[in-house]
Amino acid sequence: MKIDKPSKPLPANPIAEGRSNAAPKGKSNPPPAAQQSGSTSVSLGSTATQLHSMESSMAGTPVTDASKVAEIKQAISDGRFKVNSEIVADRLIETVRDLIGSKA
């Protein structure tokens, strides 16, 4: 089967061609600026800008304090590291309360 070229070329902007007869005679509505210039602009808002700024500033910040980790490792190796179970339990309960409170 042979496919021939179409006798009529396709329009460059099919959306604009479909609208050409849509406006009543005597009234001319100019197309939106985005269609006139052929470009599109997007604005995400101030919250997105703030989040992007925060992300950029946090990118170079280490997640852990390396000197504190080294200090704790040395204390464990030396046998000086003591776990205070009361503080651990209190902070665990505090964390759970915070998590429950944020979901309510």
Protein backbone atom coordinates (compact mmCIF):
# COMPACT_ATOMS: atom_id res chain seq x y z
CA MET A 1 0.00 0.00 0.00
CA LYS A 2 1.40 3.38 -0.98
CA ILE A 3 0.77 6.47 1.16
CA ASP A 4 0.70 9.70 -0.81
CA LYS A 5 1.45 13.15 0.53
CA PRO A 6 -1.68 15.03 1.58
CA SER A 7 -2.90 17.47 -1.04
CA LYS A 8 -3.45 20.18 1.60
CA PRO A 9 -0.62 20.86 4.09
CA LEU A 10 -1.47 20.67 7.78
CA PRO A 11 -1.88 24.01 9.60
CA ALA A 12 1.06 25.23 11.68
CA ASN A 13 -1.20 26.09 14.65
CA PRO A 14 -4.33 23.88 14.61
CA ILE A 15 -5.76 25.56 17.74
CA ALA A 16 -5.73 29.02 16.20
CA GLU A 17 -7.25 27.72 12.94
CA GLY A 18 -10.13 26.05 14.82
CA ARG A 19 -10.96 29.35 16.55
CA SER A 20 -10.92 31.50 13.44
CA ASN A 21 -14.66 31.10 12.82
CA ALA A 22 -15.68 30.96 16.49
CA ALA A 23 -15.93 34.74 17.06
CA PRO A 24 -19.10 36.48 15.81
CA LYS A 25 -18.68 38.91 12.93
CA GLY A 26 -18.04 42.49 13.94
CA LYS A 27 -16.40 41.52 17.24
CA SER A 28 -12.72 40.79 17.32
CA ASN A 29 -11.26 39.17 20.43
CA PRO A 30 -7.46 39.24 20.39
CA PRO A 31 -5.83 35.94 21.30
CA PRO A 32 -4.10 35.68 24.72
CA ALA A 33 -0.59 37.08 24.98
CA ALA A 34 0.95 33.61 25.36
CA GLN A 35 -0.38 32.60 21.95
CA GLN A 36 0.79 35.84 20.34
CA SER A 37 4.38 35.60 21.49
CA GLY A 38 4.68 31.82 21.38
CA SER A 39 6.18 31.60 24.88
CA THR A 40 4.83 30.48 28.22
CA SER A 41 5.59 31.89 31.66
CA VAL A 42 5.02 30.05 34.93
CA SER A 43 5.04 31.59 38.41
CA LEU A 44 5.13 29.23 41.40
CA GLY A 45 4.60 31.78 44.14
CA SER A 46 6.39 32.94 47.25
CA THR A 47 6.14 29.62 49.11
CA ALA A 48 7.97 27.77 46.34
CA THR A 49 10.62 30.50 46.29
CA GLN A 50 11.09 30.21 50.06
CA LEU A 51 11.34 26.41 49.87
CA HIS A 52 13.91 26.64 47.09
CA SER A 53 15.93 29.15 49.14
CA MET A 54 15.79 26.91 52.22
CA GLU A 55 16.81 23.88 50.19
CA SER A 56 19.80 25.74 48.76
CA SER A 57 20.96 26.91 52.19
CA MET A 58 20.58 23.45 53.73
CA ALA A 59 22.41 21.66 50.91
CA GLY A 60 25.82 22.45 52.41
CA THR A 61 24.85 21.77 56.02
CA PRO A 62 25.97 18.38 57.33
CA VAL A 63 23.21 16.19 58.76
CA THR A 64 25.31 15.16 61.76
CA ASP A 65 27.84 16.89 63.96
CA ALA A 66 31.00 14.96 63.14
CA SER A 67 32.87 16.16 66.23
CA LYS A 68 30.01 15.06 68.53
CA VAL A 69 29.91 11.63 66.85
CA ALA A 70 33.67 11.25 67.27
CA GLU A 71 33.39 12.27 70.94
CA ILE A 72 30.66 9.68 71.61
CA LYS A 73 32.63 6.97 69.78
CA GLN A 74 35.67 7.69 71.90
CA ALA A 75 33.57 7.65 75.10
CA ILE A 76 32.11 4.25 74.15
CA SER A 77 35.59 2.89 73.37
CA ASP A 78 36.93 4.16 76.69
CA GLY A 79 33.93 2.81 78.64
CA ARG A 80 32.96 6.29 79.82
CA PHE A 81 29.65 6.48 77.95
CA LYS A 82 26.70 6.03 80.29
CA VAL A 83 23.08 5.82 79.13
CA ASN A 84 20.58 7.59 81.38
CA SER A 85 17.47 5.48 80.84
CA GLU A 86 15.19 8.06 82.51
CA ILE A 87 16.19 10.77 80.02
CA VAL A 88 15.84 8.37 77.09
CA ALA A 89 12.35 7.34 78.26
CA ASP A 90 11.27 10.96 78.84
CA ARG A 91 12.44 12.07 75.39
CA LEU A 92 10.80 9.04 73.76
CA ILE A 93 7.46 9.87 75.43
CA GLU A 94 7.86 13.53 74.41
CA THR A 95 8.47 12.51 70.79
CA VAL A 96 5.42 10.25 70.75
CA ARG A 97 3.26 13.06 72.20
CA ASP A 98 4.51 15.43 69.51
CA LEU A 99 3.74 12.90 66.78
CA ILE A 100 0.24 12.23 68.14
CA GLY A 101 -0.42 15.94 68.56
CA SER A 102 0.64 16.75 64.99
CA LYS A 103 -1.78 14.19 63.54
CA ALA A 104 -4.79 15.40 65.54
